[in-house]
Protein backbone atom coordinates (compact mmCIF):
# COMPACT_ATOMS: atom_id res chain seq x y z
CA UNK A 1 -0.03 22.76 59.99
CA UNK A 2 1.45 19.46 58.86
CA UNK A 3 -2.14 18.51 57.52
CA UNK A 4 -2.24 21.43 55.12
CA UNK A 5 1.32 20.57 53.82
CA UNK A 6 0.30 17.03 53.14
CA UNK A 7 -2.92 17.73 51.33
CA UNK A 8 -0.90 20.25 49.18
CA UNK A 9 1.62 17.67 48.32
CA UNK A 10 -1.09 15.02 47.48
CA UNK A 11 -2.97 17.42 45.38
CA UNK A 12 0.14 18.32 43.46
CA UNK A 13 1.08 14.54 42.94
CA UNK A 14 -2.56 13.77 41.80
CA UNK A 15 -2.13 16.78 39.10
CA UNK A 16 1.45 15.58 38.21
CA UNK A 17 0.00 12.11 37.15
CA UNK A 18 -2.50 13.65 34.87
CA UNK A 19 0.08 16.11 33.56
CA UNK A 20 2.34 13.31 32.67
CA UNK A 21 -0.37 11.34 30.93
CA UNK A 22 -1.31 14.49 28.83
CA UNK A 23 2.41 14.87 27.80
CA UNK A 24 2.61 11.28 26.87
CA UNK A 25 -0.51 11.44 24.79
CA UNK A 26 0.57 14.61 23.13
CA UNK A 27 4.02 13.01 22.26
CA UNK A 28 2.20 9.93 20.88
CA UNK A 29 0.02 11.86 18.52
CA UNK A 30 2.70 14.26 17.47
CA UNK A 31 5.12 11.31 16.48
CA UNK A 32 2.30 9.63 14.62
CA UNK A 33 1.52 12.56 12.49
CA UNK A 34 5.11 13.92 11.91
CA UNK A 35 6.10 10.47 10.36
CA UNK A 36 4.59 9.15 7.22
CA UNK A 37 1.70 7.52 8.91
CA UNK A 38 0.98 4.74 6.30
CA UNK A 39 4.61 4.21 5.51
CA UNK A 40 5.98 3.89 8.95
CA UNK A 41 3.15 2.38 10.96
CA UNK A 42 1.51 0.23 8.20
CA UNK A 43 4.18 -0.65 5.67
CA UNK A 44 1.97 -3.38 4.09
CA UNK A 45 -0.27 -0.55 2.82
CA UNK A 46 2.49 1.40 1.14
CA UNK A 47 3.60 -1.77 -0.85
CA UNK A 48 0.13 -2.23 -2.38
CA UNK A 49 -0.28 -0.55 -5.72
CA UNK A 50 -3.40 1.40 -6.54
CA UNK A 51 -5.76 -0.68 -8.77
CA UNK A 52 -8.89 -0.36 -10.47
CA UNK A 53 -10.98 -3.42 -11.78
CA UNK A 54 -13.78 -2.56 -14.22
CA UNK A 55 -16.33 -5.14 -14.90
CA UNK A 56 -17.65 -4.68 -18.34
CA UNK A 57 -20.19 -6.95 -20.20
CA UNK A 58 -17.68 -8.89 -22.26
CA UNK A 59 -14.34 -8.44 -20.50
CA UNK A 60 -12.61 -7.26 -17.29
CA UNK A 61 -10.28 -4.14 -17.41
CA UNK A 62 -7.50 -4.00 -14.82
CA UNK A 63 -5.49 -0.75 -14.34
CA UNK A 64 -2.53 -0.65 -11.76
CA UNK A 65 -0.33 2.21 -10.96
CA UNK A 66 3.28 1.08 -10.77
CA UNK A 67 5.48 4.24 -10.91
CA UNK A 68 9.15 3.46 -11.11
CA UNK A 69 9.02 0.01 -12.51
CA UNK A 70 10.06 -1.15 -15.86
CA UNK A 71 8.34 -3.95 -17.82
CA UNK A 72 11.11 -6.25 -17.10
CA UNK A 73 10.41 -5.69 -13.19
CA UNK A 74 6.61 -6.94 -13.46
CA UNK A 75 5.41 -10.55 -12.70
CA UNK A 76 1.67 -10.75 -13.54
CA UNK A 77 -0.21 -14.05 -13.29
CA UNK A 78 -3.85 -15.36 -13.32
CA UNK A 79 -4.78 -18.68 -11.44
CA UNK A 80 -8.42 -19.52 -11.06
CA UNK A 81 -9.48 -15.90 -11.75
CA UNK A 82 -7.15 -14.67 -9.22
CA UNK A 83 -5.01 -11.87 -10.51
CA UNK A 84 -1.67 -11.47 -8.89
CA UNK A 85 0.72 -8.41 -9.68
CA UNK A 86 4.17 -8.29 -8.36
CA UNK A 87 6.75 -5.91 -9.25
CA UNK A 88 10.42 -5.73 -7.68
CA UNK A 89 13.20 -3.49 -8.55
CA UNK A 90 16.62 -2.37 -7.10
CA UNK A 91 19.53 -0.19 -7.80
CA UNK A 92 22.83 0.19 -6.51
CA UNK A 93 25.04 3.44 -7.30
CA UNK A 94 28.82 3.65 -6.22
CA UNK A 95 30.89 6.76 -6.57
CA UNK A 96 34.53 7.04 -5.62
CA UNK A 97 36.79 10.11 -6.00
CA UNK A 98 39.81 10.13 -3.95
CA UNK A 99 38.90 10.04 -0.27
CA UNK A 100 35.20 10.37 -1.16
CA UNK A 101 33.06 7.29 -1.30
CA UNK A 102 29.41 7.18 -1.81
CA UNK A 103 27.14 4.04 -1.99
CA UNK A 104 23.39 4.08 -2.37
CA UNK A 105 21.07 1.14 -2.38
CA UNK A 106 17.38 1.36 -3.11
CA UNK A 107 14.77 -1.35 -3.45
CA UNK A 108 11.23 -1.31 -4.14
CA UNK A 109 8.52 -4.30 -4.13
CA UNK A 110 4.86 -4.30 -4.47
CA UNK A 111 2.37 -6.90 -4.31
CA UNK A 112 -1.41 -7.05 -5.26
CA UNK A 113 -3.94 -9.87 -5.75
CA UNK A 114 -7.65 -9.69 -6.45
CA UNK A 115 -10.36 -12.03 -7.38
CA UNK A 116 -11.66 -11.32 -10.87
CA UNK A 117 -15.42 -10.90 -11.39
CA UNK A 118 -16.62 -13.97 -13.42
CA UNK A 119 -14.74 -16.62 -15.37
CA UNK A 120 -12.02 -15.15 -17.76
CA UNK A 121 -10.30 -16.39 -20.78
CA UNK A 122 -6.68 -16.26 -19.52
CA UNK A 123 -5.37 -17.08 -23.06
CA UNK A 124 -6.59 -13.86 -24.83
CA UNK A 125 -5.43 -11.19 -22.44
CA UNK A 126 -4.31 -7.90 -23.94
CA UNK A 127 -1.69 -5.90 -21.98
CA UNK A 128 -0.02 -2.48 -22.11
CA UNK A 129 2.50 -0.79 -19.74
CA UNK A 130 3.21 2.89 -20.39
CA UNK A 131 4.36 5.52 -17.95
CA UNK A 132 3.94 3.28 -14.88
CA UNK A 133 0.29 2.25 -15.69
CA UNK A 134 -0.33 -1.30 -16.33
CA UNK A 135 -3.56 -2.11 -18.24
CA UNK A 136 -4.94 -5.51 -18.72
CA UNK A 137 -7.81 -6.13 -20.75
CA UNK A 138 -9.17 -9.78 -19.93
CA UNK A 139 -12.10 -11.33 -22.05
CA UNK A 140 -14.84 -13.20 -20.13
CA UNK A 141 -15.58 -16.62 -21.17
CA UNK A 142 -19.08 -16.92 -23.02
CA UNK A 143 -21.08 -18.45 -20.17
CA UNK A 144 -19.75 -15.73 -17.63
CA UNK A 145 -21.05 -12.42 -18.88
CA UNK A 146 -22.59 -10.08 -16.52
CA UNK A 147 -26.38 -10.38 -16.05
CA UNK A 148 -28.75 -7.61 -14.58
CA UNK A 149 -31.11 -9.13 -12.17
CA UNK A 150 -34.42 -7.08 -11.39
CA UNK A 151 -35.26 -7.43 -7.69
CA UNK A 152 -39.00 -7.61 -7.18
């Protein structure tokens, strides 16, 4: 009779371990999907603006989405055909009425860099910034225009 009780107990412990593992895995996946996956787990991806680089025959066009930023928040530079786009903004709001006090601070910073195709003439860049969209038109140097190569 004791042997039967022992085997039932061992079987119960064995199943409990797997049930515990199942509960932990379920919690892990639930936590991962309930939170903003990219923002919470990979904050670096959240701070990279979306960007298009279009290689045309005589120039390179770069478009970057920077919603919520003003022109004065932008820092754009090119060094050795490496384009760097940085933007940083911060706000602080205070409100006091009698016993009521509220203070909100918000900061946002983004960074993106990319190697531009071909040698560019960084002295003749045309820029525009409208509705959070940065557009750069960067002419290529004469020796650096795109060439099509036929594969035989």
